[in-house]
Each structure stands twice: as C-alpha cells, then as structure tokens.
Amino acid sequence: MIDQGLDAHDIAAELTSRWITWRPARPAAYITAQLRNRTAVAPHEDLSAEAAHPHATGSTRNPAWQTWLRQRATAPEFHEPQRTDADRRHARLYGWDRWAEIADDYATDPDDTLDLYGTRLCCYAVKRASKDRKMR
C-alpha cells in the first residue's frame, strides 16, 4: 500500500473498510493475502483513472453517472467542510456518549459522519441505536 502512494491514514481507512469482525491470528499474513487477491483481480482494469487520481477506481461507462459527477464537480454550492485532524480527534474522543445523535447524523449523511467520527464510532452508534429501537 505504501508503494501505491498511500499514507498512514489512507492505509488505516483501507484496512478498516474491510469490516472484518474477527481478529486474524497473523494480521500481516492476512493483509498480504488480501493484497495479493486484490492485485490478482485488478490487472484487467483500466488504468486511466489511476493517472487522474491516485486513489481513483476504474472508470464507469454509465453516462448518467458521468453527467452527475461533472455537475457535482462544477456546482458552485458544493463545498467540502474544512475539517482538521484536531476536529476529528476531538469528535472521536468525546462522541461516545452521543451515540444517538451520531446514528441520526449517519442516517442523513453517512460520508460526512464517517469522516468526522470514524468507522468504529459510527458502527457502535448505529448498532446501539438499532438495539434500542428493538427494545422499544
């Protein structure tokens, strides 16, 4: 992953996105096997998107999707929130007792909520909220 240009945060996000619920006895061997499987499937993919952005996926041929992407990129009202690592760190440290609010935020805007609170806290909040709804 380092050879692909990923930094520590990108690698952590990649590994967290695997959503495994068990702990491998040999994590390095597991990660190596997953990377080997990933590269065994990927050679036939178009590499033109990779040149455009280092973390881009293969191109899609769906014209509606391409149109939406172009409109989104040129829309003047589209602005990513200027969030710092300190904001994320604070939210992740002090958000554990606000899991209901986090679960509601995740229901409305999952990407932004994941960016702010991280996968672990979002999973906990959604799981906890679903348990509380079942008990009612």
N, C-alpha and C. Protein backbone atom coordinates (compact mmCIF):
# COMPACT_ATOMS: atom_id res chain seq x y z
N MET A 1 0.82 -1.19 0.00
CA MET A 1 0.00 0.00 0.00
C MET A 1 0.87 1.26 0.00
N ILE A 2 1.99 1.19 0.65
CA ILE A 2 2.91 2.32 0.65
C ILE A 2 3.46 2.52 -0.75
N ASP A 3 3.75 1.42 -1.45
CA ASP A 3 4.24 1.52 -2.83
C ASP A 3 3.21 2.14 -3.75
N GLN A 4 1.94 2.06 -3.40
CA GLN A 4 0.88 2.67 -4.20
C GLN A 4 0.70 4.15 -3.87
N GLY A 5 1.48 4.66 -2.92
CA GLY A 5 1.41 6.07 -2.57
C GLY A 5 0.47 6.39 -1.44
N LEU A 6 -0.02 5.40 -0.72
CA LEU A 6 -0.95 5.65 0.38
C LEU A 6 -0.16 6.05 1.62
N ASP A 7 -0.71 7.00 2.38
CA ASP A 7 -0.08 7.36 3.65
C ASP A 7 -0.75 6.56 4.78
N ALA A 8 -0.37 6.81 6.00
CA ALA A 8 -0.86 6.03 7.14
C ALA A 8 -2.38 6.12 7.28
N HIS A 9 -2.95 7.30 7.05
CA HIS A 9 -4.40 7.47 7.18
C HIS A 9 -5.15 6.70 6.09
N ASP A 10 -4.61 6.74 4.87
CA ASP A 10 -5.25 6.01 3.78
C ASP A 10 -5.18 4.50 4.00
N ILE A 11 -4.06 4.03 4.51
CA ILE A 11 -3.90 2.60 4.78
C ILE A 11 -4.86 2.17 5.88
N ALA A 12 -4.96 2.97 6.93
CA ALA A 12 -5.90 2.66 8.01
C ALA A 12 -7.33 2.63 7.50
N ALA A 13 -7.69 3.58 6.64
CA ALA A 13 -9.04 3.60 6.08
C ALA A 13 -9.29 2.37 5.21
N GLU A 14 -8.29 1.99 4.43
CA GLU A 14 -8.42 0.80 3.57
C GLU A 14 -8.62 -0.45 4.41
N LEU A 15 -7.83 -0.60 5.47
CA LEU A 15 -7.95 -1.79 6.30
C LEU A 15 -9.24 -1.79 7.10
N THR A 16 -9.67 -0.62 7.56
CA THR A 16 -10.91 -0.53 8.32
C THR A 16 -12.11 -0.83 7.43
N SER A 17 -12.02 -0.49 6.16
CA SER A 17 -13.15 -0.70 5.25
C SER A 17 -13.41 -2.17 4.96
N ARG A 18 -12.55 -3.03 5.39
CA ARG A 18 -12.75 -4.46 5.16
C ARG A 18 -13.84 -5.04 6.06
N TRP A 19 -14.21 -4.37 7.12
CA TRP A 19 -15.32 -4.74 8.01
C TRP A 19 -15.21 -6.16 8.54
N ILE A 20 -14.02 -6.59 8.89
CA ILE A 20 -13.92 -7.92 9.48
C ILE A 20 -14.25 -7.80 10.96
N THR A 21 -14.95 -8.77 11.49
CA THR A 21 -15.38 -8.72 12.89
C THR A 21 -14.55 -9.65 13.76
N TRP A 22 -13.55 -10.28 13.20
CA TRP A 22 -12.69 -11.17 13.96
C TRP A 22 -11.26 -10.67 13.84
N ARG A 23 -10.42 -11.16 14.72
CA ARG A 23 -9.03 -10.77 14.72
C ARG A 23 -8.18 -11.89 14.13
N PRO A 24 -7.49 -11.64 13.02
CA PRO A 24 -6.65 -12.68 12.47
C PRO A 24 -5.49 -13.00 13.42
N ALA A 25 -5.12 -14.27 13.47
CA ALA A 25 -4.00 -14.68 14.33
C ALA A 25 -2.70 -14.07 13.82
N ARG A 26 -2.58 -13.94 12.50
CA ARG A 26 -1.39 -13.35 11.88
C ARG A 26 -1.84 -12.22 10.96
N PRO A 27 -1.99 -11.00 11.51
CA PRO A 27 -2.52 -9.89 10.72
C PRO A 27 -1.71 -9.59 9.46
N ALA A 28 -0.39 -9.66 9.56
CA ALA A 28 0.44 -9.35 8.38
C ALA A 28 0.17 -10.34 7.26
N ALA A 29 0.03 -11.62 7.60
CA ALA A 29 -0.25 -12.64 6.59
C ALA A 29 -1.63 -12.42 5.97
N TYR A 30 -2.59 -12.04 6.79
CA TYR A 30 -3.94 -11.77 6.29
C TYR A 30 -3.93 -10.60 5.31
N ILE A 31 -3.28 -9.51 5.70
CA ILE A 31 -3.22 -8.33 4.85
C ILE A 31 -2.49 -8.66 3.54
N THR A 32 -1.40 -9.40 3.63
CA THR A 32 -0.66 -9.79 2.44
C THR A 32 -1.53 -10.61 1.50
N ALA A 33 -2.28 -11.56 2.05
CA ALA A 33 -3.17 -12.39 1.22
C ALA A 33 -4.26 -11.54 0.57
N GLN A 34 -4.82 -10.58 1.31
CA GLN A 34 -5.86 -9.72 0.75
C GLN A 34 -5.30 -8.85 -0.37
N LEU A 35 -4.09 -8.32 -0.17
CA LEU A 35 -3.48 -7.51 -1.22
C LEU A 35 -3.15 -8.35 -2.45
N ARG A 36 -2.71 -9.57 -2.23
CA ARG A 36 -2.40 -10.46 -3.34
C ARG A 36 -3.68 -10.77 -4.13
N ASN A 37 -4.78 -11.03 -3.43
CA ASN A 37 -6.06 -11.29 -4.10
C ASN A 37 -6.53 -10.06 -4.86
N ARG A 38 -6.33 -8.90 -4.27
CA ARG A 38 -6.76 -7.65 -4.90
C ARG A 38 -5.97 -7.39 -6.18
N THR A 39 -4.67 -7.64 -6.15
CA THR A 39 -3.86 -7.40 -7.34
C THR A 39 -4.05 -8.49 -8.38
N ALA A 40 -4.47 -9.67 -7.96
CA ALA A 40 -4.71 -10.74 -8.93
C ALA A 40 -5.95 -10.45 -9.76
N VAL A 41 -6.91 -9.73 -9.21
CA VAL A 41 -8.15 -9.42 -9.91
C VAL A 41 -8.01 -8.13 -10.72
N ALA A 42 -7.18 -7.21 -10.28
CA ALA A 42 -7.14 -5.86 -10.83
C ALA A 42 -6.41 -5.67 -12.16
N PRO A 43 -5.53 -6.54 -12.66
CA PRO A 43 -4.75 -6.18 -13.84
C PRO A 43 -5.57 -5.84 -15.08
N HIS A 44 -6.76 -6.37 -15.22
CA HIS A 44 -7.55 -6.10 -16.43
C HIS A 44 -8.24 -4.74 -16.38
N GLU A 45 -8.19 -4.04 -15.24
CA GLU A 45 -8.89 -2.76 -15.11
C GLU A 45 -8.19 -1.66 -15.90
N ASP A 46 -8.95 -0.65 -16.28
CA ASP A 46 -8.42 0.50 -16.99
C ASP A 46 -7.61 1.35 -16.03
N LEU A 47 -6.39 1.71 -16.39
CA LEU A 47 -5.52 2.47 -15.50
C LEU A 47 -5.60 3.97 -15.75
N SER A 48 -6.45 4.42 -16.67
CA SER A 48 -6.52 5.85 -16.95
C SER A 48 -7.04 6.63 -15.75
N ALA A 49 -7.95 6.06 -14.98
CA ALA A 49 -8.47 6.75 -13.79
C ALA A 49 -7.39 6.87 -12.73
N GLU A 50 -6.48 5.92 -12.68
CA GLU A 50 -5.41 5.94 -11.69
C GLU A 50 -4.48 7.13 -11.94
N ALA A 51 -4.30 7.47 -13.22
CA ALA A 51 -3.45 8.61 -13.53
C ALA A 51 -4.11 9.92 -13.10
N ALA A 52 -5.45 9.97 -13.14
CA ALA A 52 -6.17 11.18 -12.76
C ALA A 52 -6.12 11.42 -11.25
N HIS A 53 -6.20 10.37 -10.48
CA HIS A 53 -6.18 10.47 -9.02
C HIS A 53 -5.60 9.18 -8.47
N PRO A 54 -4.67 9.24 -7.53
CA PRO A 54 -4.02 8.01 -7.08
C PRO A 54 -4.95 7.01 -6.40
N HIS A 55 -6.09 7.46 -5.88
CA HIS A 55 -6.99 6.55 -5.19
C HIS A 55 -8.27 6.30 -5.98
N ALA A 56 -8.26 6.64 -7.25
CA ALA A 56 -9.46 6.51 -8.07
C ALA A 56 -9.69 5.05 -8.44
N THR A 57 -10.95 4.71 -8.61
CA THR A 57 -11.30 3.37 -9.05
C THR A 57 -11.39 3.35 -10.56
N GLY A 58 -11.65 2.20 -11.12
CA GLY A 58 -11.77 2.08 -12.56
C GLY A 58 -12.91 2.92 -13.11
N SER A 59 -12.82 3.26 -14.38
CA SER A 59 -13.84 4.14 -14.95
C SER A 59 -15.17 3.40 -15.10
N THR A 60 -16.23 4.15 -15.08
CA THR A 60 -17.56 3.59 -15.30
C THR A 60 -18.09 4.12 -16.62
N ARG A 61 -18.84 3.34 -17.30
CA ARG A 61 -19.33 3.73 -18.61
C ARG A 61 -20.79 4.21 -18.55
N ASN A 62 -21.33 4.38 -17.36
CA ASN A 62 -22.71 4.83 -17.19
C ASN A 62 -22.78 6.33 -17.47
N PRO A 63 -23.45 6.75 -18.56
CA PRO A 63 -23.47 8.18 -18.90
C PRO A 63 -24.18 9.04 -17.85
N ALA A 64 -25.22 8.51 -17.21
CA ALA A 64 -25.92 9.29 -16.18
C ALA A 64 -25.00 9.57 -15.00
N TRP A 65 -24.21 8.59 -14.63
CA TRP A 65 -23.27 8.75 -13.53
C TRP A 65 -22.20 9.78 -13.90
N GLN A 66 -21.69 9.71 -15.11
CA GLN A 66 -20.68 10.66 -15.56
C GLN A 66 -21.23 12.08 -15.58
N THR A 67 -22.49 12.24 -16.01
CA THR A 67 -23.13 13.55 -16.03
C THR A 67 -23.26 14.10 -14.61
N TRP A 68 -23.70 13.25 -13.70
CA TRP A 68 -23.86 13.68 -12.30
C TRP A 68 -22.52 14.10 -11.72
N LEU A 69 -21.47 13.34 -12.00
CA LEU A 69 -20.15 13.69 -11.49
C LEU A 69 -19.68 15.04 -12.02
N ARG A 70 -19.91 15.28 -13.31
CA ARG A 70 -19.50 16.57 -13.89
C ARG A 70 -20.28 17.72 -13.27
N GLN A 71 -21.59 17.53 -13.07
CA GLN A 71 -22.41 18.59 -12.47
C GLN A 71 -21.99 18.85 -11.03
N ARG A 72 -21.69 17.80 -10.31
CA ARG A 72 -21.29 17.94 -8.91
C ARG A 72 -19.96 18.67 -8.80
N ALA A 73 -19.04 18.35 -9.70
CA ALA A 73 -17.71 18.97 -9.64
C ALA A 73 -17.76 20.45 -10.00
N THR A 74 -18.69 20.85 -10.87
CA THR A 74 -18.75 22.24 -11.30
C THR A 74 -19.78 23.07 -10.53
N ALA A 75 -20.55 22.43 -9.66
CA ALA A 75 -21.58 23.16 -8.91
C ALA A 75 -20.94 24.13 -7.94
N PRO A 76 -21.33 25.42 -7.98
CA PRO A 76 -20.71 26.40 -7.08
C PRO A 76 -21.08 26.20 -5.62
N GLU A 77 -22.23 25.60 -5.35
CA GLU A 77 -22.66 25.44 -3.96
C GLU A 77 -22.04 24.23 -3.27
N PHE A 78 -21.27 23.43 -4.01
CA PHE A 78 -20.67 22.24 -3.42
C PHE A 78 -19.34 22.60 -2.76
N HIS A 79 -19.33 22.58 -1.44
CA HIS A 79 -18.11 22.87 -0.70
C HIS A 79 -17.94 21.83 0.39
N GLU A 80 -16.79 21.22 0.41
CA GLU A 80 -16.47 20.28 1.49
C GLU A 80 -16.23 21.09 2.76
N PRO A 81 -16.67 20.58 3.90
CA PRO A 81 -16.38 21.30 5.14
C PRO A 81 -14.88 21.28 5.41
N GLN A 82 -14.38 22.41 5.87
CA GLN A 82 -12.96 22.49 6.19
C GLN A 82 -12.76 21.92 7.59
N ARG A 83 -12.47 20.66 7.63
CA ARG A 83 -12.34 19.94 8.90
C ARG A 83 -10.88 19.58 9.10
N THR A 84 -10.40 19.78 10.31
CA THR A 84 -9.00 19.46 10.61
C THR A 84 -8.91 18.13 11.34
N ASP A 85 -7.71 17.62 11.43
CA ASP A 85 -7.49 16.39 12.19
C ASP A 85 -7.82 16.60 13.67
N ALA A 86 -7.62 17.81 14.17
CA ALA A 86 -7.97 18.10 15.57
C ALA A 86 -9.48 17.99 15.78
N ASP A 87 -10.27 18.45 14.79
CA ASP A 87 -11.72 18.32 14.88
C ASP A 87 -12.13 16.85 14.95
N ARG A 88 -11.52 16.04 14.09
CA ARG A 88 -11.84 14.61 14.06
C ARG A 88 -11.44 13.95 15.38
N ARG A 89 -10.25 14.27 15.85
CA ARG A 89 -9.75 13.68 17.10
C ARG A 89 -10.68 14.02 18.26
N HIS A 90 -11.10 15.28 18.35
CA HIS A 90 -11.99 15.71 19.43
C HIS A 90 -13.34 14.99 19.33
N ALA A 91 -13.90 14.91 18.12
CA ALA A 91 -15.20 14.26 17.94
C ALA A 91 -15.12 12.78 18.30
N ARG A 92 -14.02 12.14 17.95
CA ARG A 92 -13.89 10.71 18.22
C ARG A 92 -13.63 10.42 19.69
N LEU A 93 -12.98 11.34 20.38
CA LEU A 93 -12.73 11.14 21.81
C LEU A 93 -13.97 11.40 22.65
N TYR A 94 -14.75 12.42 22.29
CA TYR A 94 -15.86 12.85 23.13
C TYR A 94 -17.23 12.51 22.56
N GLY A 95 -17.29 11.70 21.51
CA GLY A 95 -18.57 11.39 20.91
C GLY A 95 -19.21 10.10 21.38
N TRP A 96 -18.54 9.34 22.22
CA TRP A 96 -19.05 8.03 22.61
C TRP A 96 -20.34 8.09 23.42
N ASP A 97 -20.58 9.17 24.12
CA ASP A 97 -21.82 9.28 24.89
C ASP A 97 -22.94 9.94 24.09
N ARG A 98 -22.66 10.36 22.86
CA ARG A 98 -23.67 10.96 21.99
C ARG A 98 -24.00 10.04 20.83
N TRP A 99 -24.05 8.76 21.08
CA TRP A 99 -24.22 7.78 20.00
C TRP A 99 -25.55 7.92 19.28
N ALA A 100 -26.62 8.35 19.97
CA ALA A 100 -27.92 8.51 19.31
C ALA A 100 -27.86 9.63 18.27
N GLU A 101 -27.21 10.72 18.63
CA GLU A 101 -27.03 11.84 17.70
C GLU A 101 -26.17 11.42 16.51
N ILE A 102 -25.12 10.65 16.78
CA ILE A 102 -24.24 10.18 15.72
C ILE A 102 -24.99 9.24 14.77
N ALA A 103 -25.82 8.35 15.33
CA ALA A 103 -26.60 7.44 14.49
C ALA A 103 -27.58 8.22 13.61
N ASP A 104 -28.19 9.27 14.14
CA ASP A 104 -29.09 10.10 13.34
C ASP A 104 -28.32 10.83 12.23
N ASP A 105 -27.15 11.36 12.57
CA ASP A 105 -26.32 12.02 11.56
C ASP A 105 -25.91 11.04 10.48
N TYR A 106 -25.59 9.82 10.88
CA TYR A 106 -25.18 8.80 9.92
C TYR A 106 -26.33 8.46 8.97
N ALA A 107 -27.55 8.46 9.48
CA ALA A 107 -28.71 8.16 8.64
C ALA A 107 -28.92 9.24 7.58
N THR A 108 -28.59 10.49 7.88
CA THR A 108 -28.80 11.57 6.92
C THR A 108 -27.60 11.81 6.01
N ASP A 109 -26.39 11.69 6.54
CA ASP A 109 -25.19 11.95 5.72
C ASP A 109 -24.05 11.03 6.18
N PRO A 110 -24.06 9.78 5.69
CA PRO A 110 -23.08 8.81 6.18
C PRO A 110 -21.63 9.19 5.87
N ASP A 111 -21.35 9.78 4.71
CA ASP A 111 -19.97 10.12 4.37
C ASP A 111 -19.38 11.15 5.32
N ASP A 112 -20.14 12.20 5.59
CA ASP A 112 -19.66 13.25 6.48
C ASP A 112 -19.51 12.72 7.91
N THR A 113 -20.46 11.90 8.34
CA THR A 113 -20.40 11.35 9.70
C THR A 113 -19.20 10.43 9.85
N LEU A 114 -18.94 9.59 8.84
CA LEU A 114 -17.77 8.72 8.89
C LEU A 114 -16.48 9.53 8.91
N ASP A 115 -16.44 10.62 8.15
CA ASP A 115 -15.26 11.46 8.14
C ASP A 115 -14.99 12.07 9.51
N LEU A 116 -16.04 12.54 10.16
CA LEU A 116 -15.87 13.20 11.45
C LEU A 116 -15.62 12.22 12.59
N TYR A 117 -16.45 11.19 12.69
CA TYR A 117 -16.40 10.31 13.86
C TYR A 117 -15.60 9.03 13.63
N GLY A 118 -15.38 8.64 12.41
CA GLY A 118 -14.64 7.41 12.14
C GLY A 118 -15.56 6.20 12.10
N THR A 119 -15.07 5.15 11.48
CA THR A 119 -15.87 3.94 11.27
C THR A 119 -16.25 3.27 12.58
N ARG A 120 -15.32 3.18 13.48
CA ARG A 120 -15.56 2.45 14.74
C ARG A 120 -16.70 3.07 15.55
N LEU A 121 -16.65 4.38 15.72
CA LEU A 121 -17.69 5.06 16.49
C LEU A 121 -19.02 5.04 15.76
N CYS A 122 -19.01 5.19 14.45
CA CYS A 122 -20.26 5.13 13.68
C CYS A 122 -20.90 3.75 13.78
N CYS A 123 -20.09 2.71 13.66
CA CYS A 123 -20.62 1.34 13.79
C CYS A 123 -21.23 1.13 15.17
N TYR A 124 -20.53 1.60 16.20
CA TYR A 124 -21.04 1.47 17.57
C TYR A 124 -22.37 2.21 17.71
N ALA A 125 -22.44 3.43 17.18
CA ALA A 125 -23.65 4.24 17.33
C ALA A 125 -24.84 3.60 16.60
N VAL A 126 -24.63 3.13 15.39
CA VAL A 126 -25.72 2.51 14.64
C VAL A 126 -26.16 1.21 15.30
N LYS A 127 -25.21 0.44 15.77
CA LYS A 127 -25.54 -0.82 16.46
C LYS A 127 -26.33 -0.54 17.73
N ARG A 128 -25.88 0.43 18.50
CA ARG A 128 -26.54 0.77 19.76
C ARG A 128 -27.95 1.32 19.50
N ALA A 129 -28.09 2.16 18.49
CA ALA A 129 -29.40 2.73 18.16
C ALA A 129 -30.36 1.65 17.69
N SER A 130 -29.86 0.68 16.91
CA SER A 130 -30.75 -0.38 16.43
C SER A 130 -31.18 -1.29 17.58
N LYS A 131 -30.30 -1.52 18.55
CA LYS A 131 -30.68 -2.32 19.73
C LYS A 131 -31.75 -1.60 20.54
N ASP A 132 -31.60 -0.29 20.71
CA ASP A 132 -32.59 0.47 21.48
C ASP A 132 -33.94 0.49 20.78
N ARG A 133 -33.94 0.55 19.47
CA ARG A 133 -35.21 0.54 18.72
C ARG A 133 -35.90 -0.82 18.85
N LYS A 134 -35.12 -1.89 18.89
CA LYS A 134 -35.69 -3.23 19.02
C LYS A 134 -36.29 -3.43 20.40
N MET A 135 -35.70 -2.81 21.42
CA MET A 135 -36.18 -2.99 22.79
C MET A 135 -37.47 -2.22 23.04
N ARG A 136 -37.78 -1.24 22.24
CA ARG A 136 -39.00 -0.43 22.45
C ARG A 136 -40.22 -1.15 22.03
